[in-house]
């Protein structure tokens, strides 16, 4: 057998008998098809110690099939690629390679990989394809990489898809390496069982500490459990209490700090309530932006129509998981789903930031037509078929303009239940009430001033003119001009903007050259019109006053 040496004349070659995780599994390419790297499975090892390690004393176990590693001296903080014999030549350009005889095929869906020194287990990874960042990377061509090499517990949260352009980093530092990273520990699932709670953490049971009942407490007088126990052959922990937990009340479960792999980690508080069975249209699709500005991003806004919060954990937007962890959508509240939160905030100045949630990825929503679907773990909750022709005919350039739901009560695919957002509102309303919402619409058209006097003195009182409008439809266009008493045009405040059912327009009392208008009498002139030829004019007088003037 040919013996390979890592040749650095300055290294003092010393092997160690310390059975620690000095050599570790650092990267796994189980499904190389359709990628830019060679179509070869590989496992990368890393020497995370400060001394040279002889790999000839190690063996690799893949799904209980044992593979002896030949003698190879691996320097500190260096990598070596393990693969089948016929893959050596293809991977050699990326770094040092050790081909192994009788290499077993790595299952795409998952496998158990163990690294032994004699009978001592140095490292173990039980990977699954669900560890990948998204379904696209799960389908092939991307490796799984370890995040923090100093975090010795090989749990799911310390692994993720490579972000390297080629799909992996064989023989090189991982693309997602972060030696400061610590996993977030949280409660992933909770269920009320009258006088007990069945719960599961987002960390595998084998890594969790031996809990005591005093580690848990619930408010509203429930206090600590009388006993706790792991449910047989599962990752579920059962907390037993001496009183019934009221399913109509929202509780807060607190967990003490836990020690995980030598680190003390805080567990976030968990809101506990009896999640009602979700019915069709309890949550509805409320706004769709499928043709964003060039620097923007798609988003879907949903709305909780019920009187209770709903946990979106495990829900799907199309075929994309919204959240693997607890995500509460409060009663009668909005949530904007996107894959690029910063772009939404940057391109929608009116967005409610706290109501924008970033998913790992969003389904593709074509600019011409498509379908938006929303699924709870129990089945379909809402769906909307959209197409570009649903936009108002007044909209010449629909980029950045969303389609808004008109009524929460009407069927999602009822004709006219989705219309263009009002351009006067910025063309979208991410995180707040739709500009064209029609529940309880006004029957009378009205346009009026909040006050007929305005004093732009920055004293906090009537500094701006407020013009209110209430319409009986969401497809009106608006023009609004300000004139001086003798008919001189001062400001073309609104020009050909679409408006919703109601709203408020403010004028800061400046002309089109941004100069402050002089005190005196003024007239507002407003025109509303529709595609069917309807047109109506509104006019009214008001006065601009300053502290030094009286009228």
Protein backbone atom coordinates (compact mmCIF):
# COMPACT_ATOMS: atom_id res chain seq x y z
CA UNK A 1 0.00 0.00 0.00
CA UNK A 2 1.33 3.43 -0.88
CA UNK A 3 1.81 5.55 2.26
CA UNK A 4 1.13 9.28 1.92
CA UNK A 5 2.70 11.93 4.14
CA UNK A 6 1.74 15.57 4.61
CA UNK A 7 5.20 17.01 3.88
CA UNK A 8 6.09 20.07 5.89
CA UNK A 9 9.70 19.97 7.05
CA UNK A 10 8.99 22.36 9.91
CA UNK A 11 6.41 20.05 11.54
CA UNK A 12 7.53 17.88 14.41
CA UNK A 13 5.68 14.65 13.71
CA UNK A 14 3.93 13.64 16.93
CA UNK A 15 0.98 11.31 17.23
CA UNK A 16 -1.42 11.54 20.13
CA UNK A 17 -3.10 8.91 22.22
CA UNK A 18 -5.65 11.37 23.58
CA UNK A 19 -9.08 10.15 22.61
CA UNK A 20 -10.77 13.46 21.92
CA UNK A 21 -12.52 14.92 18.91
CA UNK A 22 -9.22 15.98 17.38
CA UNK A 23 -10.11 14.59 13.95
CA UNK A 24 -13.71 15.27 12.93
CA UNK A 25 -16.17 14.88 10.11
CA UNK A 26 -16.31 18.34 8.55
CA UNK A 27 -18.24 18.06 5.26
CA UNK A 28 -20.49 15.50 3.57
CA UNK A 29 -21.39 15.33 -0.11
CA UNK A 30 -24.04 12.63 -0.30
CA UNK A 31 -25.82 13.71 -3.47
CA UNK A 32 -23.41 15.29 -5.99
CA UNK A 33 -25.68 15.04 -9.04
CA UNK A 34 -26.55 18.21 -10.98
CA UNK A 35 -23.78 20.17 -9.25
CA UNK A 36 -20.68 22.02 -10.43
CA UNK A 37 -18.32 19.77 -8.46
CA UNK A 38 -17.41 16.32 -9.81
CA UNK A 39 -20.24 13.79 -9.50
CA UNK A 40 -18.40 12.00 -6.69
CA UNK A 41 -19.56 11.35 -3.13
CA UNK A 42 -17.08 12.42 -0.48
CA UNK A 43 -16.57 12.89 3.25
CA UNK A 44 -14.08 15.51 4.38
CA UNK A 45 -12.13 15.14 7.62
CA UNK A 46 -10.53 18.00 9.53
CA UNK A 47 -7.73 17.89 12.12
CA UNK A 48 -9.01 20.38 14.71
CA UNK A 49 -6.11 19.76 17.12
CA UNK A 50 -2.71 21.39 17.51
CA UNK A 51 -0.70 18.29 16.58
CA UNK A 52 -0.30 16.03 13.56
CA UNK A 53 -2.69 13.05 13.56
CA UNK A 54 -2.05 9.62 12.04
CA UNK A 55 -5.24 8.64 10.23
CA UNK A 56 -3.98 5.07 9.93
CA UNK A 57 -5.24 4.55 13.48
CA UNK A 58 -8.76 5.59 12.47
CA UNK A 59 -11.63 3.79 10.78
CA UNK A 60 -14.77 5.10 9.14
CA UNK A 61 -18.14 3.46 9.68
CA UNK A 62 -20.89 4.22 7.17
CA UNK A 63 -24.24 2.67 8.07
CA UNK A 64 -22.36 -0.03 10.05
CA UNK A 65 -19.99 -0.81 7.17
CA UNK A 66 -16.44 -0.43 8.50
CA UNK A 67 -13.70 1.12 6.32
CA UNK A 68 -10.09 1.20 7.52
CA UNK A 69 -8.27 4.43 6.69
CA UNK A 70 -4.67 3.91 5.47
CA UNK A 71 -1.72 5.62 7.14
CA UNK A 72 -1.82 9.35 6.47
CA UNK A 73 -0.31 12.16 8.54
CA UNK A 74 -2.77 15.08 8.74
CA UNK A 75 -1.38 18.40 9.95
CA UNK A 76 -3.29 20.66 12.38
CA UNK A 77 -6.22 22.62 10.91
CA UNK A 78 -5.87 20.77 7.60
CA UNK A 79 -8.35 18.73 5.58
CA UNK A 80 -8.43 15.47 3.71
CA UNK A 81 -11.08 14.11 1.33
CA UNK A 82 -12.30 10.50 1.62
CA UNK A 83 -14.02 8.96 -1.39
CA UNK A 84 -14.34 5.81 -3.51
CA UNK A 85 -11.28 4.74 -5.48
CA UNK A 86 -12.71 5.80 -8.83
CA UNK A 87 -13.26 9.35 -7.55
CA UNK A 88 -9.68 10.12 -6.50
CA UNK A 89 -8.52 11.63 -9.78
CA UNK A 90 -11.56 13.91 -10.09
CA UNK A 91 -11.27 15.29 -6.54
CA UNK A 92 -7.48 15.55 -6.40
CA UNK A 93 -7.54 19.07 -7.86
CA UNK A 94 -9.34 20.29 -4.72
CA UNK A 95 -6.92 18.94 -2.12
CA UNK A 96 -5.47 15.83 -0.50
CA UNK A 97 -7.54 12.69 -1.22
CA UNK A 98 -7.60 9.26 0.39
CA UNK A 99 -9.46 6.71 -1.76
CA UNK A 100 -11.08 3.91 0.24
CA UNK A 101 -11.74 0.34 -0.88
CA UNK A 102 -15.37 -0.89 -0.93
CA UNK A 103 -16.83 2.58 -0.47
CA UNK A 104 -20.60 2.19 0.23
CA UNK A 105 -23.00 4.54 -1.47
CA UNK A 106 -24.13 7.43 0.75
CA UNK A 107 -27.92 7.56 0.92
CA UNK A 108 -29.26 10.90 -0.33
CA UNK A 109 -31.95 10.95 2.36
CA UNK A 110 -29.57 10.28 5.25
CA UNK A 111 -27.09 7.95 6.89
CA UNK A 112 -25.00 7.42 10.03
CA UNK A 113 -21.30 8.19 9.68
CA UNK A 114 -18.95 7.34 12.57
CA UNK A 115 -15.24 7.96 13.03
CA UNK A 116 -13.36 5.64 15.40
CA UNK A 117 -9.88 5.46 16.87
CA UNK A 118 -9.76 1.80 17.88
CA UNK A 119 -12.94 1.27 19.93
CA UNK A 120 -13.27 4.96 20.82
CA UNK A 121 -15.88 6.95 18.96
CA UNK A 122 -14.30 10.26 17.91
CA UNK A 123 -17.18 11.70 15.93
CA UNK A 124 -20.63 10.74 14.70
CA UNK A 125 -22.96 12.45 12.26
CA UNK A 126 -26.47 11.15 11.61
CA UNK A 127 -27.23 13.41 8.67
CA UNK A 128 -30.57 13.84 6.88
CA UNK A 129 -31.39 15.64 3.67
CA UNK A 130 -33.76 17.84 5.71
CA UNK A 131 -30.62 19.50 7.11
CA UNK A 132 -30.27 21.31 3.78
CA UNK A 133 -31.16 24.98 3.61
CA UNK A 134 -33.94 24.55 1.04
CA UNK A 135 -35.53 22.04 -1.29
CA UNK A 136 -33.38 23.17 -4.23
CA UNK A 137 -30.16 22.28 -2.42
CA UNK A 138 -31.76 19.12 -1.07
CA UNK A 139 -32.27 17.89 -4.65
CA UNK A 140 -28.53 17.55 -5.28
CA UNK A 141 -25.24 19.27 -6.01
CA UNK A 142 -24.69 20.77 -2.56
CA UNK A 143 -22.74 19.44 0.39
CA UNK A 144 -23.57 19.66 4.09
CA UNK A 145 -20.96 21.61 6.06
CA UNK A 146 -20.21 21.87 9.75
CA UNK A 147 -20.64 25.43 11.05
CA UNK A 148 -18.56 25.56 14.24
CA UNK A 149 -15.72 23.02 14.45
CA UNK A 150 -15.30 23.80 18.15
CA UNK A 151 -18.90 22.83 18.92
CA UNK A 152 -18.37 19.12 19.48
CA UNK A 153 -22.02 18.03 19.56
CA UNK A 154 -22.99 16.97 16.07
CA UNK A 155 -26.62 18.11 16.08
CA UNK A 156 -28.64 19.32 13.13
CA UNK A 157 -28.31 22.98 14.11
CA UNK A 158 -24.51 22.87 13.64
CA UNK A 159 -24.83 21.76 10.00
CA UNK A 160 -26.24 23.42 6.91
CA UNK A 161 -25.93 23.57 3.13
CA UNK A 162 -22.75 24.93 1.66
CA UNK A 163 -23.05 28.42 0.23
CA UNK A 164 -19.96 28.04 -1.96
CA UNK A 165 -20.58 28.83 -5.62
CA UNK A 166 -19.61 25.32 -6.70
CA UNK A 167 -21.82 23.70 -4.07
CA UNK A 168 -19.11 22.54 -1.65
CA UNK A 169 -15.60 23.15 -0.34
CA UNK A 170 -13.70 19.82 -0.50
CA UNK A 171 -10.18 20.22 0.85
CA UNK A 172 -10.79 23.83 1.96
CA UNK A 173 -12.35 25.67 4.92
CA UNK A 174 -16.13 25.44 4.94
CA UNK A 175 -18.05 28.30 3.36
CA UNK A 176 -20.26 28.65 6.46
CA UNK A 177 -17.57 28.30 9.14
CA UNK A 178 -18.29 30.41 12.23
CA UNK A 179 -16.23 29.55 15.30
CA UNK A 180 -18.38 31.85 17.46
CA UNK A 181 -21.65 30.16 16.52
CA UNK A 182 -23.79 28.55 19.21
CA UNK A 183 -27.07 26.81 18.35
CA UNK A 184 -30.35 28.31 19.46
CA UNK A 185 -32.29 26.09 21.82
CA UNK A 186 -36.06 26.46 21.65
CA UNK A 187 -39.28 24.55 22.20
CA UNK A 188 -40.29 23.23 18.79
CA UNK A 189 -43.64 21.63 19.64
CA UNK A 190 -46.11 21.76 22.50
CA UNK A 191 -49.46 20.11 23.22
CA UNK A 192 -51.84 20.51 26.18
CA UNK A 193 -53.15 17.22 27.59
CA UNK A 194 -55.57 18.43 30.30
CA UNK A 195 -53.24 18.11 33.34
CA UNK A 196 -50.05 17.59 31.34
CA UNK A 197 -47.96 19.14 28.60
CA UNK A 198 -46.25 17.16 25.88
CA UNK A 199 -43.29 19.08 24.50
CA UNK A 200 -40.34 18.66 22.13
CA UNK A 201 -37.20 20.76 21.77
CA UNK A 202 -35.56 21.67 18.47
CA UNK A 203 -32.46 19.81 19.73
CA UNK A 204 -32.27 16.03 19.59
CA UNK A 205 -32.95 14.30 22.91
CA UNK A 206 -29.52 12.67 23.06
CA UNK A 207 -27.85 16.07 23.43
CA UNK A 208 -30.20 17.47 26.09
CA UNK A 209 -29.35 17.41 29.82
CA UNK A 210 -31.11 15.40 32.50
CA UNK A 211 -33.98 17.74 33.32
CA UNK A 212 -35.46 18.28 36.78
CA UNK A 213 -39.08 19.31 37.32
CA UNK A 214 -37.82 22.58 38.84
CA UNK A 215 -36.40 23.52 35.43
CA UNK A 216 -39.93 24.28 34.17
CA UNK A 217 -42.62 26.71 35.36
CA UNK A 218 -45.91 28.08 34.03
CA UNK A 219 -47.55 31.36 35.07
CA UNK A 220 -51.16 32.03 36.15
CA UNK A 221 -50.76 29.88 39.26
CA UNK A 222 -49.91 26.60 37.52
CA UNK A 223 -46.26 26.76 38.73
CA UNK A 224 -43.85 23.80 38.39
CA UNK A 225 -44.85 20.29 37.28
CA UNK A 226 -45.26 17.54 39.90
CA UNK A 227 -43.26 15.14 37.71
CA UNK A 228 -41.52 14.93 34.33
CA UNK A 229 -40.60 11.98 32.13
CA UNK A 230 -39.46 11.22 28.60
CA UNK A 231 -42.06 9.43 26.51
CA UNK A 232 -40.84 6.01 25.41
CA UNK A 233 -38.78 5.92 22.20
CA UNK A 234 -39.42 9.57 21.34
CA UNK A 235 -38.06 13.08 21.70
CA UNK A 236 -41.15 14.19 23.64
CA UNK A 237 -40.96 15.24 27.28
CA UNK A 238 -44.08 14.94 29.43
CA UNK A 239 -44.71 17.54 32.15
CA UNK A 240 -47.40 16.48 34.65
CA UNK A 241 -49.28 19.05 36.76
CA UNK A 242 -51.72 18.77 39.68
CA UNK A 243 -54.37 20.99 38.08
CA UNK A 244 -56.13 21.32 34.76
CA UNK A 245 -54.63 23.77 32.28
CA UNK A 246 -57.38 26.04 30.95
CA UNK A 247 -57.30 25.73 27.14
CA UNK A 248 -58.93 29.17 26.78
CA UNK A 249 -56.07 30.98 28.53
CA UNK A 250 -52.67 31.85 27.14
CA UNK A 251 -49.82 30.79 29.45
CA UNK A 252 -46.09 31.43 29.38
CA UNK A 253 -43.81 28.43 29.88
CA UNK A 254 -40.37 29.29 31.26
CA UNK A 255 -37.39 26.92 31.08
CA UNK A 256 -34.22 27.45 33.07
CA UNK A 257 -30.88 27.82 31.33
CA UNK A 258 -29.66 24.45 30.11
CA UNK A 259 -26.14 23.13 29.71
CA UNK A 260 -25.58 21.87 26.21
CA UNK A 261 -22.22 20.38 25.26
CA UNK A 262 -20.46 22.41 27.95
CA UNK A 263 -22.26 25.70 27.21
CA UNK A 264 -25.05 27.38 29.20
CA UNK A 265 -27.79 28.39 26.78
CA UNK A 266 -30.97 30.38 27.33
CA UNK A 267 -34.30 28.89 26.20
CA UNK A 268 -36.81 31.52 24.98
CA UNK A 269 -40.16 31.68 26.77
CA UNK A 270 -42.94 29.80 25.01
CA UNK A 271 -46.54 31.00 24.70
CA UNK A 272 -48.74 28.03 25.54
CA UNK A 273 -52.32 27.79 24.42
CA UNK A 274 -54.71 25.19 23.09
CA UNK A 275 -54.36 25.72 19.36
CA UNK A 276 -57.87 25.47 17.91
CA UNK A 277 -58.38 23.28 14.89
CA UNK A 278 -57.69 25.51 11.91
CA UNK A 279 -60.52 25.69 9.43
CA UNK A 280 -60.48 26.74 5.78
CA UNK A 281 -60.03 30.52 5.50
CA UNK A 282 -59.27 31.07 9.20
CA UNK A 283 -56.14 32.64 7.73
CA UNK A 284 -56.49 34.19 4.28
CA UNK A 285 -54.09 35.37 1.62
CA UNK A 286 -54.45 39.14 1.81
CA UNK A 287 -51.92 40.73 -0.55
CA UNK A 288 -49.71 39.48 -3.38
CA UNK A 289 -46.69 41.20 -4.89
CA UNK A 290 -45.55 39.02 -7.78
CA UNK A 291 -43.94 41.68 -10.00
CA UNK A 292 -41.63 43.69 -7.72
CA UNK A 293 -39.44 46.62 -8.57
CA UNK A 294 -36.01 45.72 -9.98
CA UNK A 295 -34.39 46.17 -6.57
CA UNK A 296 -37.35 44.66 -4.70
CA UNK A 297 -38.67 41.18 -3.94
CA UNK A 298 -41.89 39.15 -4.04
CA UNK A 299 -44.05 38.96 -0.93
CA UNK A 300 -47.28 37.34 0.21
CA UNK A 301 -49.25 38.87 3.07
CA UNK A 302 -51.62 36.74 5.16
CA UNK A 303 -54.29 37.76 7.70
CA UNK A 304 -55.63 35.94 10.77
CA UNK A 305 -59.44 36.33 10.73
CA UNK A 306 -59.99 34.48 14.03
CA UNK A 307 -60.16 35.68 17.64
CA UNK A 308 -57.15 33.57 18.74
CA UNK A 309 -53.46 33.50 17.79
CA UNK A 310 -52.49 30.74 15.35
CA UNK A 311 -49.13 28.98 15.35
CA UNK A 312 -47.70 28.83 11.81
CA UNK A 313 -45.09 26.24 12.72
CA UNK A 314 -45.06 23.53 10.06
CA UNK A 315 -47.30 25.53 7.69
CA UNK A 316 -46.50 25.67 3.98
CA UNK A 317 -46.60 28.54 1.52
CA UNK A 318 -46.82 26.54 -1.67
CA UNK A 319 -44.19 23.84 -1.13
CA UNK A 320 -42.02 25.98 1.17
CA UNK A 321 -42.07 25.61 4.97
CA UNK A 322 -42.89 28.92 6.62
CA UNK A 323 -41.25 28.08 9.97
CA UNK A 324 -39.85 25.01 11.70
CA UNK A 325 -40.31 26.70 15.08
CA UNK A 326 -43.09 28.49 16.93
CA UNK A 327 -44.40 31.44 14.91
CA UNK A 328 -47.56 33.04 16.28
CA UNK A 329 -49.82 35.14 14.08
CA UNK A 330 -51.94 37.13 16.49
CA UNK A 331 -55.69 37.50 16.16
CA UNK A 332 -56.76 39.90 13.38
CA UNK A 333 -53.17 40.66 12.49
CA UNK A 334 -51.07 40.62 9.33
CA UNK A 335 -47.84 38.83 8.43
CA UNK A 336 -45.75 39.48 5.32
CA UNK A 337 -43.87 36.42 4.02
CA UNK A 338 -40.80 37.00 1.89
CA UNK A 339 -37.35 35.56 1.25
CA UNK A 340 -35.65 38.98 1.30
CA UNK A 341 -36.82 41.09 4.22
CA UNK A 342 -34.25 43.85 3.74
CA UNK A 343 -35.39 44.41 0.17
CA UNK A 344 -39.02 44.70 1.28
CA UNK A 345 -38.10 47.26 3.92
CA UNK A 346 -35.89 49.19 1.49
CA UNK A 347 -38.41 49.36 -1.38
CA UNK A 348 -41.59 49.82 0.68
CA UNK A 349 -41.17 52.82 2.95
CA UNK A 350 -44.55 52.18 4.55
CA UNK A 351 -43.85 48.53 5.48
CA UNK A 352 -44.46 47.53 9.10
CA UNK A 353 -41.05 46.00 9.82
CA UNK A 354 -42.16 43.87 12.79
CA UNK A 355 -44.74 42.17 10.57
CA UNK A 356 -42.29 41.15 7.84
CA UNK A 357 -41.06 37.56 8.26
CA UNK A 358 -38.16 36.18 6.24
CA UNK A 359 -38.53 32.60 5.06
CA UNK A 360 -35.62 30.53 3.77
CA UNK A 361 -37.09 30.69 0.28
CA UNK A 362 -40.33 31.61 -1.45
CA UNK A 363 -42.10 29.70 -4.23
CA UNK A 364 -41.71 31.17 -7.71
CA UNK A 365 -44.49 33.63 -8.54
CA UNK A 366 -44.34 34.45 -12.29
CA UNK A 367 -45.16 37.99 -13.42
CA UNK A 368 -47.98 36.95 -15.78
CA UNK A 369 -49.97 34.42 -13.76
CA UNK A 370 -49.63 31.92 -10.95
CA UNK A 371 -51.19 30.32 -7.88
CA UNK A 372 -50.59 31.14 -4.22
CA UNK A 373 -51.47 28.35 -1.78
CA UNK A 374 -51.39 28.22 2.02
CA UNK A 375 -51.44 24.93 3.91
CA UNK A 376 -51.70 24.15 7.62
CA UNK A 377 -50.47 20.72 8.80
CA UNK A 378 -54.11 19.67 8.43
CA UNK A 379 -54.58 20.71 4.81
CA UNK A 380 -55.37 23.61 2.46
CA UNK A 381 -56.34 26.86 4.22
CA UNK A 382 -56.49 29.26 1.26
CA UNK A 383 -55.51 29.59 -2.40
CA UNK A 384 -55.57 32.41 -4.93
CA UNK A 385 -55.14 32.24 -8.69
CA UNK A 386 -53.74 35.56 -9.91
CA UNK A 387 -52.92 37.02 -13.31
CA UNK A 388 -51.52 40.32 -14.52
CA UNK A 389 -54.87 41.37 -16.05
CA UNK A 390 -56.31 41.66 -12.53
CA UNK A 391 -54.49 44.99 -12.26
CA UNK A 392 -56.45 48.14 -12.95
CA UNK A 393 -56.41 49.28 -16.55
CA UNK A 394 -55.12 52.64 -15.28
CA UNK A 395 -51.91 50.91 -14.17
CA UNK A 396 -49.48 51.23 -17.08
CA UNK A 397 -46.46 49.87 -15.20
CA UNK A 398 -47.43 47.28 -12.57
CA UNK A 399 -43.89 46.79 -11.19
CA UNK A 400 -43.95 47.21 -7.42
CA UNK A 401 -47.76 47.33 -7.25
CA UNK A 402 -49.46 44.53 -5.34
CA UNK A 403 -52.87 42.94 -5.64
CA UNK A 404 -54.89 43.49 -2.47
CA UNK A 405 -57.80 41.50 -1.11
CA UNK A 406 -61.04 43.50 -1.03
CA UNK A 407 -62.99 41.47 1.54
CA UNK A 408 -62.00 38.92 4.18
CA UNK A 409 -65.48 37.40 4.03
CA UNK A 410 -65.83 36.78 0.31
CA UNK A 411 -64.24 33.82 -1.47
CA UNK A 412 -60.60 34.39 -2.34
CA UNK A 413 -61.14 33.70 -6.06
CA UNK A 414 -64.37 35.67 -6.41
CA UNK A 415 -64.01 38.02 -9.39
CA UNK A 416 -62.97 41.50 -8.27
CA UNK A 417 -61.91 40.32 -4.79
CA UNK A 418 -58.29 41.22 -5.61
CA UNK A 419 -57.46 44.62 -7.07
CA UNK A 420 -54.44 46.84 -7.54
CA UNK A 421 -53.23 48.56 -4.40
CA UNK A 422 -53.75 52.31 -4.45
CA UNK A 423 -50.76 54.13 -5.92
CA UNK A 424 -51.48 56.99 -3.54
CA UNK A 425 -50.60 54.53 -0.74
CA UNK A 426 -47.30 53.61 -2.41
CA UNK A 427 -48.66 50.71 -4.47
CA UNK A 428 -48.62 48.23 -1.57
CA UNK A 429 -49.43 47.95 2.12
CA UNK A 430 -47.09 45.30 3.59
CA UNK A 431 -48.02 44.63 7.20
CA UNK A 432 -51.12 46.82 7.54
CA UNK A 433 -54.70 47.26 6.38
CA UNK A 434 -55.14 47.13 2.60
CA UNK A 435 -55.61 50.44 0.82
CA UNK A 436 -58.59 48.97 -1.10
CA UNK A 437 -60.21 46.87 1.66
CA UNK A 438 -64.02 46.79 1.20
CA UNK A 439 -65.60 45.25 4.31
CA UNK A 440 -68.40 47.67 5.32
CA UNK A 441 -67.79 49.96 2.31
CA UNK A 442 -69.11 53.53 2.32
CA UNK A 443 -72.12 54.02 0.05
CA UNK A 444 -71.72 57.79 -0.24
CA UNK A 445 -68.91 59.60 -2.02
CA UNK A 446 -67.51 62.37 0.13
CA UNK A 447 -64.43 64.57 0.20
CA UNK A 448 -63.95 67.02 3.07
CA UNK A 449 -61.41 68.91 5.16
CA UNK A 450 -60.53 68.04 8.75
CA UNK A 451 -60.33 71.78 9.40
CA UNK A 452 -60.89 74.83 7.20
CA UNK A 453 -57.93 76.58 8.76
CA UNK A 454 -54.29 75.56 8.70
CA UNK A 455 -51.35 77.22 10.44
CA UNK A 456 -47.98 75.85 9.21
CA UNK A 457 -45.97 77.13 12.17
CA UNK A 458 -44.60 73.74 13.34
CA UNK A 459 -46.30 74.15 16.71
CA UNK A 460 -48.04 70.77 16.53
CA UNK A 461 -51.49 72.26 15.87
CA UNK A 462 -53.01 72.19 12.37
CA UNK A 463 -49.59 72.40 10.73
CA UNK A 464 -50.86 70.57 7.63
CA UNK A 465 -54.02 70.67 5.58
CA UNK A 466 -55.87 67.34 5.83
CA UNK A 467 -58.16 66.34 2.96
CA UNK A 468 -60.24 63.23 3.68
CA UNK A 469 -61.95 61.08 1.06
CA UNK A 470 -64.58 58.35 1.35
CA UNK A 471 -65.55 56.54 -1.82
CA UNK A 472 -67.89 53.71 -2.77
CA UNK A 473 -65.35 51.74 -4.79
CA UNK A 474 -61.67 50.94 -5.00
CA UNK A 475 -61.16 51.73 -8.68
CA UNK A 476 -61.21 55.51 -8.64
CA UNK A 477 -58.48 57.80 -9.93
CA UNK A 478 -57.78 61.15 -8.28
CA UNK A 479 -56.45 64.56 -9.28
CA UNK A 480 -56.06 67.21 -6.57
CA UNK A 481 -54.88 70.81 -7.05
CA UNK A 482 -54.45 73.75 -4.68
CA UNK A 483 -55.25 77.28 -5.94
CA UNK A 484 -54.79 80.74 -4.46
CA UNK A 485 -57.87 82.92 -4.02
CA UNK A 486 -57.50 84.55 -7.44
CA UNK A 487 -57.18 81.24 -9.24
CA UNK A 488 -53.40 80.95 -9.42
CA UNK A 489 -52.21 77.33 -9.35
CA UNK A 490 -50.10 76.72 -6.22
CA UNK A 491 -49.57 72.96 -6.16
CA UNK A 492 -50.67 70.01 -8.30
CA UNK A 493 -50.75 67.86 -5.20
CA UNK A 494 -52.07 64.58 -6.68
CA UNK A 495 -51.94 63.69 -10.36
CA UNK A 496 -53.64 60.56 -11.72
CA UNK A 497 -53.20 58.41 -8.63
CA UNK A 498 -55.41 55.41 -7.87
CA UNK A 499 -57.10 55.53 -4.48
CA UNK A 500 -58.85 53.09 -2.16
CA UNK A 501 -62.14 53.34 -0.35
CA UNK A 502 -60.99 55.90 2.15
CA UNK A 503 -57.91 57.79 3.17
CA UNK A 504 -56.34 61.10 4.07
CA UNK A 505 -54.13 63.37 1.99
CA UNK A 506 -51.91 65.93 3.74
CA UNK A 507 -50.48 69.15 2.32
CA UNK A 508 -47.59 70.90 4.08
CA UNK A 509 -48.64 74.31 2.68
CA UNK A 510 -45.72 74.54 0.26
CA UNK A 511 -45.92 75.30 -3.44
CA UNK A 512 -44.32 73.22 -6.21
CA UNK A 513 -41.01 75.03 -5.60
CA UNK A 514 -41.14 73.96 -1.92
CA UNK A 515 -41.72 77.57 -0.84
CA UNK A 516 -44.19 78.20 1.99
CA UNK A 517 -47.51 79.53 0.80
CA UNK A 518 -48.40 83.02 2.00
CA UNK A 519 -51.24 83.55 4.47
CA UNK A 520 -54.61 83.98 2.85
CA UNK A 521 -57.63 82.28 1.30
CA UNK A 522 -57.14 79.16 -0.84
CA UNK A 523 -59.24 76.63 -2.76
CA UNK A 524 -58.77 72.91 -3.17
CA UNK A 525 -60.05 71.34 -6.40
CA UNK A 526 -60.43 67.54 -6.62
CA UNK A 527 -61.53 65.31 -9.47
CA UNK A 528 -62.38 61.63 -9.12
CA UNK A 529 -63.11 59.47 -12.15
CA UNK A 530 -63.53 55.84 -13.19
CA UNK A 531 -62.90 53.85 -16.33
CA UNK A 532 -66.67 53.68 -17.03
CA UNK A 533 -66.73 57.47 -17.63
CA UNK A 534 -67.98 58.50 -14.19
CA UNK A 535 -66.53 61.86 -13.10
CA UNK A 536 -67.20 64.13 -10.14
CA UNK A 537 -65.63 67.42 -9.04
CA UNK A 538 -65.19 68.63 -5.44
CA UNK A 539 -64.17 72.16 -4.43
CA UNK A 540 -63.78 73.89 -1.10
CA UNK A 541 -62.20 76.92 0.53
CA UNK A 542 -59.77 77.11 3.42
CA UNK A 543 -57.50 79.64 5.04
CA UNK A 544 -53.78 79.60 5.76
CA UNK A 545 -52.98 81.63 8.88
CA UNK A 546 -49.82 82.40 10.77
CA UNK A 547 -49.49 83.39 14.40
CA UNK A 548 -49.02 87.00 13.36
CA UNK A 549 -52.20 87.05 11.27
CA UNK A 550 -55.85 86.82 12.17
CA UNK A 551 -58.82 86.32 9.90
